[in-house]
């Protein structure tokens, strides 16, 4: 994750435009078909990404005003909003996603420089600086484009995104996963999950990130010493 959240804005813009184009290429029947996320259609997924933009607006509004503003009122409301929007036709999905993205753009533009250091309350109750919001939004866009099952794959992620994602995953998974050393062969980069004796898991950075984020079974990775891949807890 970059220390300057505004550096990520061009990547967010590109990812948003790509997702909108992918959605426009679907028809209403395809929207109702399953995504790669269990129990969710593509309509559920697109609605979630739109509502996530609004949740990011809530966080930034709280950081800017000093009024504690959670991402969602509660999980029940979050799930109900996704369910309510899932069955909409493509045109409505695209319009909603575009409008939600514009609201997030406006919220980012309204942030005073010093407000990015303010703490915001994430879903689940944990807190992070507001500067984390753009990176979290980029992850939502890039990872859920894979989940849409419309031709975008982890191999399409940029090297820069994969590098940052691997570091985020290594930190987030450290408490729930056996120690492991990660060797990203194409990025000439190594990092560790946890401390203590560890196996080494090797493969492309994209393959490692896909496995750790639950978007791959890791069949294209190797383990040294030879044995099974470590069990990865559910991430996000």
C-alpha atoms as a PDB file:
ATOM      1  CA  UNK A   1       0.000   0.000   0.000  1.00  0.00           C
ATOM      2  CA  UNK A   2       1.356   3.420  -0.929  1.00  0.00           C
ATOM      3  CA  UNK A   3       1.801   6.084   1.744  1.00  0.00           C
ATOM      4  CA  UNK A   4       0.111   8.661  -0.519  1.00  0.00           C
ATOM      5  CA  UNK A   5      -3.473   7.558  -1.218  1.00  0.00           C
ATOM      6  CA  UNK A   6      -3.867   9.963  -4.135  1.00  0.00           C
ATOM      7  CA  UNK A   7      -1.197   8.096  -6.105  1.00  0.00           C
ATOM      8  CA  UNK A   8      -3.707   5.261  -6.523  1.00  0.00           C
ATOM      9  CA  UNK A   9      -6.442   7.377  -8.129  1.00  0.00           C
ATOM     10  CA  UNK A  10      -5.401   6.693 -11.769  1.00  0.00           C
ATOM     11  CA  UNK A  11      -5.433   2.945 -11.037  1.00  0.00           C
ATOM     12  CA  UNK A  12      -8.882   3.229  -9.459  1.00  0.00           C
ATOM     13  CA  UNK A  13     -10.123   5.155 -12.504  1.00  0.00           C
ATOM     14  CA  UNK A  14      -8.764   2.521 -14.893  1.00  0.00           C
ATOM     15  CA  UNK A  15     -10.192  -0.355 -12.881  1.00  0.00           C
ATOM     16  CA  UNK A  16     -13.592   1.351 -12.640  1.00  0.00           C
ATOM     17  CA  UNK A  17     -13.706   2.016 -16.376  1.00  0.00           C
ATOM     18  CA  UNK A  18     -12.734  -1.578 -17.108  1.00  0.00           C
ATOM     19  CA  UNK A  19     -15.429  -2.974 -14.827  1.00  0.00           C
ATOM     20  CA  UNK A  20     -18.060  -0.729 -16.388  1.00  0.00           C
ATOM     21  CA  UNK A  21     -17.032  -1.912 -19.843  1.00  0.00           C
ATOM     22  CA  UNK A  22     -17.154  -5.538 -18.734  1.00  0.00           C
ATOM     23  CA  UNK A  23     -20.631  -5.022 -17.300  1.00  0.00           C
ATOM     24  CA  UNK A  24     -21.861  -3.319 -20.496  1.00  0.00           C
ATOM     25  CA  UNK A  25     -20.730  -6.356 -22.475  1.00  0.00           C
ATOM     26  CA  UNK A  26     -23.083  -8.591 -20.483  1.00  0.00           C
ATOM     27  CA  UNK A  27     -26.756  -9.031 -21.246  1.00  0.00           C
ATOM     28  CA  UNK A  28     -29.590  -9.333 -18.749  1.00  0.00           C
ATOM     29  CA  UNK A  29     -29.445 -13.134 -18.823  1.00  0.00           C
ATOM     30  CA  UNK A  30     -25.714 -13.118 -18.080  1.00  0.00           C
ATOM     31  CA  UNK A  31     -26.253 -10.782 -15.124  1.00  0.00           C
ATOM     32  CA  UNK A  32     -28.421 -13.487 -13.528  1.00  0.00           C
ATOM     33  CA  UNK A  33     -25.778 -16.209 -13.982  1.00  0.00           C
ATOM     34  CA  UNK A  34     -23.479 -17.272 -11.119  1.00  0.00           C
ATOM     35  CA  UNK A  35     -20.336 -15.312 -10.360  1.00  0.00           C
ATOM     36  CA  UNK A  36     -17.265 -17.016  -8.914  1.00  0.00           C
ATOM     37  CA  UNK A  37     -18.461 -16.149  -5.407  1.00  0.00           C
ATOM     38  CA  UNK A  38     -20.624 -18.904  -3.885  1.00  0.00           C
ATOM     39  CA  UNK A  39     -24.288 -17.939  -3.758  1.00  0.00           C
ATOM     40  CA  UNK A  40     -23.856 -14.704  -5.696  1.00  0.00           C
ATOM     41  CA  UNK A  41     -24.892 -13.965  -9.256  1.00  0.00           C
ATOM     42  CA  UNK A  42     -23.076 -11.386 -11.312  1.00  0.00           C
ATOM     43  CA  UNK A  43     -25.868  -9.011 -10.326  1.00  0.00           C
ATOM     44  CA  UNK A  44     -25.098  -9.543  -6.647  1.00  0.00           C
ATOM     45  CA  UNK A  45     -21.425  -8.862  -7.291  1.00  0.00           C
ATOM     46  CA  UNK A  46     -21.962  -5.658  -9.297  1.00  0.00           C
ATOM     47  CA  UNK A  47     -24.415  -4.353  -6.732  1.00  0.00           C
ATOM     48  CA  UNK A  48     -21.909  -5.087  -3.975  1.00  0.00           C
ATOM     49  CA  UNK A  49     -19.161  -3.158  -5.762  1.00  0.00           C
ATOM     50  CA  UNK A  50     -21.498  -0.173  -6.143  1.00  0.00           C
ATOM     51  CA  UNK A  51     -22.533  -0.283  -2.481  1.00  0.00           C
ATOM     52  CA  UNK A  52     -18.879  -0.641  -1.482  1.00  0.00           C
ATOM     53  CA  UNK A  53     -18.182   2.681  -3.201  1.00  0.00           C
ATOM     54  CA  UNK A  54     -20.901   4.254  -1.058  1.00  0.00           C
ATOM     55  CA  UNK A  55     -19.411   2.569   2.022  1.00  0.00           C
ATOM     56  CA  UNK A  56     -16.051   4.146   1.187  1.00  0.00           C
ATOM     57  CA  UNK A  57     -17.834   7.518   0.911  1.00  0.00           C
ATOM     58  CA  UNK A  58     -19.172   6.952   4.428  1.00  0.00           C
ATOM     59  CA  UNK A  59     -15.681   6.294   5.759  1.00  0.00           C
ATOM     60  CA  UNK A  60     -14.190   9.359   4.086  1.00  0.00           C
ATOM     61  CA  UNK A  61     -17.082  11.524   5.261  1.00  0.00           C
ATOM     62  CA  UNK A  62     -16.405  10.399   8.816  1.00  0.00           C
ATOM     63  CA  UNK A  63     -12.694  11.138   8.428  1.00  0.00           C
ATOM     64  CA  UNK A  64     -13.432  14.587   7.014  1.00  0.00           C
ATOM     65  CA  UNK A  65     -16.122  15.634   9.508  1.00  0.00           C
ATOM     66  CA  UNK A  66     -14.931  13.862  12.643  1.00  0.00           C
ATOM     67  CA  UNK A  67     -18.305  12.122  13.013  1.00  0.00           C
ATOM     68  CA  UNK A  68     -17.893   8.348  13.414  1.00  0.00           C
ATOM     69  CA  UNK A  69     -19.527   6.920  10.274  1.00  0.00           C
ATOM     70  CA  UNK A  70     -19.385   3.144   9.732  1.00  0.00           C
ATOM     71  CA  UNK A  71     -19.170   1.619   6.272  1.00  0.00           C
ATOM     72  CA  UNK A  72     -22.653   0.110   6.556  1.00  0.00           C
ATOM     73  CA  UNK A  73     -25.393   0.596   9.192  1.00  0.00           C
ATOM     74  CA  UNK A  74     -25.058  -3.123   9.943  1.00  0.00           C
ATOM     75  CA  UNK A  75     -24.427  -6.410   8.118  1.00  0.00           C
ATOM     76  CA  UNK A  76     -28.133  -7.117   7.743  1.00  0.00           C
ATOM     77  CA  UNK A  77     -28.686  -3.845   5.901  1.00  0.00           C
ATOM     78  CA  UNK A  78     -25.602  -4.454   3.760  1.00  0.00           C
ATOM     79  CA  UNK A  79     -26.817  -7.893   2.714  1.00  0.00           C
ATOM     80  CA  UNK A  80     -30.374  -6.662   2.110  1.00  0.00           C
ATOM     81  CA  UNK A  81     -29.162  -3.861  -0.166  1.00  0.00           C
ATOM     82  CA  UNK A  82     -27.101  -6.311  -2.227  1.00  0.00           C
ATOM     83  CA  UNK A  83     -30.011  -8.714  -2.513  1.00  0.00           C
ATOM     84  CA  UNK A  84     -32.410  -5.927  -3.484  1.00  0.00           C
ATOM     85  CA  UNK A  85     -30.178  -4.759  -6.336  1.00  0.00           C
ATOM     86  CA  UNK A  86     -29.012  -8.107  -7.661  1.00  0.00           C
ATOM     87  CA  UNK A  87     -31.863  -8.712 -10.107  1.00  0.00           C
ATOM     88  CA  UNK A  88     -31.696  -5.397 -11.923  1.00  0.00           C
ATOM     89  CA  UNK A  89     -31.026  -5.330 -15.680  1.00  0.00           C
ATOM     90  CA  UNK A  90     -27.611  -4.446 -17.067  1.00  0.00           C
ATOM     91  CA  UNK A  91     -28.444  -0.822 -17.810  1.00  0.00           C
ATOM     92  CA  UNK A  92     -29.473  -0.168 -14.212  1.00  0.00           C
ATOM     93  CA  UNK A  93     -26.438  -1.986 -12.840  1.00  0.00           C
ATOM     94  CA  UNK A  94     -24.077   0.055 -14.997  1.00  0.00           C
ATOM     95  CA  UNK A  95     -25.782   3.348 -14.149  1.00  0.00           C
ATOM     96  CA  UNK A  96     -25.665   2.576 -10.426  1.00  0.00           C
ATOM     97  CA  UNK A  97     -22.019   1.520 -10.532  1.00  0.00           C
ATOM     98  CA  UNK A  98     -21.064   4.644 -12.469  1.00  0.00           C
ATOM     99  CA  UNK A  99     -22.972   6.981 -10.146  1.00  0.00           C
ATOM    100  CA  UNK A 100     -21.529   5.351  -7.028  1.00  0.00           C
ATOM    101  CA  UNK A 101     -18.027   5.707  -8.458  1.00  0.00           C
ATOM    102  CA  UNK A 102     -18.668   9.397  -9.114  1.00  0.00           C
ATOM    103  CA  UNK A 103     -19.820   9.893  -5.525  1.00  0.00           C
ATOM    104  CA  UNK A 104     -16.599   8.311  -4.309  1.00  0.00           C
ATOM    105  CA  UNK A 105     -14.548  10.546  -6.608  1.00  0.00           C
ATOM    106  CA  UNK A 106     -16.268  13.573  -5.091  1.00  0.00           C
ATOM    107  CA  UNK A 107     -15.647  12.348  -1.548  1.00  0.00           C
ATOM    108  CA  UNK A 108     -11.952  11.846  -2.292  1.00  0.00           C
ATOM    109  CA  UNK A 109     -11.692  15.314  -3.833  1.00  0.00           C
ATOM    110  CA  UNK A 110     -13.304  16.826  -0.726  1.00  0.00           C
ATOM    111  CA  UNK A 111     -10.728  15.348   1.665  1.00  0.00           C
ATOM    112  CA  UNK A 112      -8.393  17.903   3.286  1.00  0.00           C
ATOM    113  CA  UNK A 113      -4.800  16.633   3.267  1.00  0.00           C
ATOM    114  CA  UNK A 114      -4.630  16.211   7.036  1.00  0.00           C
ATOM    115  CA  UNK A 115      -7.896  14.225   7.169  1.00  0.00           C
ATOM    116  CA  UNK A 116      -6.270  11.219   5.496  1.00  0.00           C
ATOM    117  CA  UNK A 117      -4.514  10.452   8.791  1.00  0.00           C
ATOM    118  CA  UNK A 118      -7.786  10.259  10.718  1.00  0.00           C
ATOM    119  CA  UNK A 119      -8.942   6.848  11.884  1.00  0.00           C
ATOM    120  CA  UNK A 120     -12.030   5.229  10.340  1.00  0.00           C
ATOM    121  CA  UNK A 121     -13.979   2.194  11.530  1.00  0.00           C
ATOM    122  CA  UNK A 122     -13.989  -0.680   9.084  1.00  0.00           C
ATOM    123  CA  UNK A 123     -16.594  -3.400   8.778  1.00  0.00           C
ATOM    124  CA  UNK A 124     -16.006  -5.839  11.608  1.00  0.00           C
ATOM    125  CA  UNK A 125     -14.982  -3.069  13.974  1.00  0.00           C
ATOM    126  CA  UNK A 126     -11.265  -2.774  13.236  1.00  0.00           C
ATOM    127  CA  UNK A 127      -9.815   0.635  12.470  1.00  0.00           C
ATOM    128  CA  UNK A 128      -7.377   2.004   9.908  1.00  0.00           C
ATOM    129  CA  UNK A 129      -6.296   5.446   8.731  1.00  0.00           C
ATOM    130  CA  UNK A 130      -8.535   6.944   6.057  1.00  0.00           C
ATOM    131  CA  UNK A 131      -5.523   6.768   3.728  1.00  0.00           C
ATOM    132  CA  UNK A 132      -6.207   3.033   3.458  1.00  0.00           C
ATOM    133  CA  UNK A 133      -9.576   3.594   1.745  1.00  0.00           C
ATOM    134  CA  UNK A 134      -8.303   4.122  -1.844  1.00  0.00           C
ATOM    135  CA  UNK A 135      -6.178   0.969  -1.647  1.00  0.00           C
ATOM    136  CA  UNK A 136      -9.120  -1.007  -0.268  1.00  0.00           C
ATOM    137  CA  UNK A 137     -11.317   0.284  -3.090  1.00  0.00           C
ATOM    138  CA  UNK A 138      -8.739  -0.708  -5.700  1.00  0.00           C
ATOM    139  CA  UNK A 139      -8.645  -4.218  -4.204  1.00  0.00           C
ATOM    140  CA  UNK A 140     -12.438  -4.441  -4.413  1.00  0.00           C
ATOM    141  CA  UNK A 141     -12.372  -3.462  -8.067  1.00  0.00           C
ATOM    142  CA  UNK A 142      -9.478  -5.657  -9.174  1.00  0.00           C
ATOM    143  CA  UNK A 143     -10.392  -8.778  -7.211  1.00  0.00           C
ATOM    144  CA  UNK A 144     -14.117  -8.661  -7.907  1.00  0.00           C
ATOM    145  CA  UNK A 145     -13.467  -8.263 -11.621  1.00  0.00           C
ATOM    146  CA  UNK A 146     -11.974 -11.744 -11.382  1.00  0.00           C
ATOM    147  CA  UNK A 147     -15.020 -12.890  -9.415  1.00  0.00           C
ATOM    148  CA  UNK A 148     -17.336 -11.573 -12.151  1.00  0.00           C
ATOM    149  CA  UNK A 149     -16.162 -14.516 -14.298  1.00  0.00           C
ATOM    150  CA  UNK A 150     -16.267 -12.472 -17.477  1.00  0.00           C
ATOM    151  CA  UNK A 151     -12.749 -12.962 -18.806  1.00  0.00           C
ATOM    152  CA  UNK A 152     -10.583 -11.026 -16.325  1.00  0.00           C
ATOM    153  CA  UNK A 153      -8.046 -13.200 -14.477  1.00  0.00           C
ATOM    154  CA  UNK A 154      -5.441 -12.763 -11.734  1.00  0.00           C
ATOM    155  CA  UNK A 155      -2.810 -12.925 -14.497  1.00  0.00           C
ATOM    156  CA  UNK A 156      -4.254  -9.608 -15.735  1.00  0.00           C
ATOM    157  CA  UNK A 157      -3.417  -7.796 -12.503  1.00  0.00           C
ATOM    158  CA  UNK A 158      -0.529  -5.362 -12.838  1.00  0.00           C
ATOM    159  CA  UNK A 159       2.803  -6.238 -11.241  1.00  0.00           C
ATOM    160  CA  UNK A 160       2.530  -3.146  -9.025  1.00  0.00           C
ATOM    161  CA  UNK A 161      -0.899  -4.209  -7.773  1.00  0.00           C
ATOM    162  CA  UNK A 162       0.302  -7.762  -7.097  1.00  0.00           C
ATOM    163  CA  UNK A 163       3.344  -6.517  -5.193  1.00  0.00           C
ATOM    164  CA  UNK A 164       1.199  -4.376  -2.874  1.00  0.00           C
ATOM    165  CA  UNK A 165      -1.459  -7.068  -2.542  1.00  0.00           C
ATOM    166  CA  UNK A 166       1.074  -9.696  -1.480  1.00  0.00           C
ATOM    167  CA  UNK A 167       2.320  -7.463   1.325  1.00  0.00           C
ATOM    168  CA  UNK A 168      -1.240  -6.764   2.450  1.00  0.00           C
ATOM    169  CA  UNK A 169      -2.109 -10.465   2.404  1.00  0.00           C
ATOM    170  CA  UNK A 170       1.038 -11.451   4.282  1.00  0.00           C
ATOM    171  CA  UNK A 171       0.133  -9.008   7.057  1.00  0.00           C
ATOM    172  CA  UNK A 172      -3.583  -9.819   7.223  1.00  0.00           C
ATOM    173  CA  UNK A 173      -3.144 -13.600   7.199  1.00  0.00           C
ATOM    174  CA  UNK A 174      -0.272 -13.806   9.693  1.00  0.00           C
ATOM    175  CA  UNK A 175      -2.459 -14.529  12.713  1.00  0.00           C
ATOM    176  CA  UNK A 176      -4.508 -17.296  11.111  1.00  0.00           C
ATOM    177  CA  UNK A 177      -2.061 -19.184   8.936  1.00  0.00           C
ATOM    178  CA  UNK A 178       0.963 -21.381   9.504  1.00  0.00           C
ATOM    179  CA  UNK A 179       4.237 -19.563   8.816  1.00  0.00           C
ATOM    180  CA  UNK A 180       5.222 -19.531   5.164  1.00  0.00           C
ATOM    181  CA  UNK A 181       7.903 -17.923   3.064  1.00  0.00           C
ATOM    182  CA  UNK A 182       6.643 -16.607  -0.269  1.00  0.00           C
ATOM    183  CA  UNK A 183       8.935 -16.520  -3.302  1.00  0.00           C
ATOM    184  CA  UNK A 184       7.506 -14.568  -6.212  1.00  0.00           C
ATOM    185  CA  UNK A 185       9.698 -15.900  -8.990  1.00  0.00           C
ATOM    186  CA  UNK A 186       8.726 -13.360 -11.643  1.00  0.00           C
ATOM    187  CA  UNK A 187       9.004 -10.352  -9.334  1.00  0.00           C
ATOM    188  CA  UNK A 188      12.305 -11.466  -7.775  1.00  0.00           C
ATOM    189  CA  UNK A 189      10.722 -10.800  -4.410  1.00  0.00           C
ATOM    190  CA  UNK A 190      10.379 -12.711  -1.141  1.00  0.00           C
ATOM    191  CA  UNK A 191       8.314 -12.067   1.976  1.00  0.00           C
ATOM    192  CA  UNK A 192       7.090 -14.045   4.952  1.00  0.00           C
ATOM    193  CA  UNK A 193       3.786 -14.812   6.602  1.00  0.00           C
ATOM    194  CA  UNK A 194       4.263 -15.139  10.344  1.00  0.00           C
ATOM    195  CA  UNK A 195       7.475 -16.106  12.101  1.00  0.00           C
ATOM    196  CA  UNK A 196       9.179 -19.362  12.928  1.00  0.00           C
ATOM    197  CA  UNK A 197       9.920 -22.477  10.859  1.00  0.00           C
ATOM    198  CA  UNK A 198       8.251 -22.119   7.515  1.00  0.00           C
ATOM    199  CA  UNK A 199       7.815 -23.849   4.203  1.00  0.00           C
ATOM    200  CA  UNK A 200       8.611 -21.910   1.048  1.00  0.00           C
ATOM    201  CA  UNK A 201       5.814 -21.462  -1.464  1.00  0.00           C
ATOM    202  CA  UNK A 202       7.084 -20.461  -4.910  1.00  0.00           C
ATOM    203  CA  UNK A 203       5.416 -19.280  -8.070  1.00  0.00           C
ATOM    204  CA  UNK A 204       4.586 -16.138  -9.949  1.00  0.00           C
ATOM    205  CA  UNK A 205       3.486 -13.200  -7.857  1.00  0.00           C
ATOM    206  CA  UNK A 206       0.119 -13.313  -9.587  1.00  0.00           C
ATOM    207  CA  UNK A 207      -0.322 -16.999  -8.711  1.00  0.00           C
ATOM    208  CA  UNK A 208       0.671 -16.410  -5.090  1.00  0.00           C
ATOM    209  CA  UNK A 209      -1.725 -13.472  -4.752  1.00  0.00           C
ATOM    210  CA  UNK A 210      -4.551 -15.444  -6.346  1.00  0.00           C
ATOM    211  CA  UNK A 211      -3.995 -18.366  -3.963  1.00  0.00           C
ATOM    212  CA  UNK A 212      -3.745 -16.255  -0.813  1.00  0.00           C
ATOM    213  CA  UNK A 213      -6.820 -14.204  -1.738  1.00  0.00           C
ATOM    214  CA  UNK A 214      -8.889 -17.334  -2.331  1.00  0.00           C
ATOM    215  CA  UNK A 215      -9.063 -16.919  -6.113  1.00  0.00           C
ATOM    216  CA  UNK A 216      -6.982 -20.025  -6.915  1.00  0.00           C
ATOM    217  CA  UNK A 217      -6.364 -23.469  -5.448  1.00  0.00           C
ATOM    218  CA  UNK A 218      -2.620 -22.946  -5.806  1.00  0.00           C
ATOM    219  CA  UNK A 219      -2.135 -25.872  -8.193  1.00  0.00           C
ATOM    220  CA  UNK A 220       0.484 -23.858 -10.094  1.00  0.00           C
ATOM    221  CA  UNK A 221       2.625 -23.289  -6.978  1.00  0.00           C
ATOM    222  CA  UNK A 222       5.423 -25.413  -5.527  1.00  0.00           C
ATOM    223  CA  UNK A 223       6.210 -26.122  -1.882  1.00  0.00           C
ATOM    224  CA  UNK A 224       9.688 -26.648  -0.395  1.00  0.00           C
ATOM    225  CA  UNK A 225      10.241 -28.990   1.368  1.00  0.00           C
ATOM    226  CA  UNK A 226       7.783 -31.005  -0.685  1.00  0.00           C
ATOM    227  CA  UNK A 227       4.343 -31.302   0.851  1.00  0.00           C
ATOM    228  CA  UNK A 228       0.875 -29.781   0.812  1.00  0.00           C
ATOM    229  CA  UNK A 229       0.246 -26.067   0.580  1.00  0.00           C
ATOM    230  CA  UNK A 230      -0.485 -24.386   3.902  1.00  0.00           C
ATOM    231  CA  UNK A 231      -4.165 -23.876   4.628  1.00  0.00           C
ATOM    232  CA  UNK A 232      -5.180 -20.305   3.860  1.00  0.00           C
ATOM    233  CA  UNK A 233      -7.923 -18.721   5.996  1.00  0.00           C
ATOM    234  CA  UNK A 234     -10.692 -16.787   4.267  1.00  0.00           C
ATOM    235  CA  UNK A 235      -9.446 -13.297   3.464  1.00  0.00           C
ATOM    236  CA  UNK A 236     -11.801 -10.317   3.489  1.00  0.00           C
END
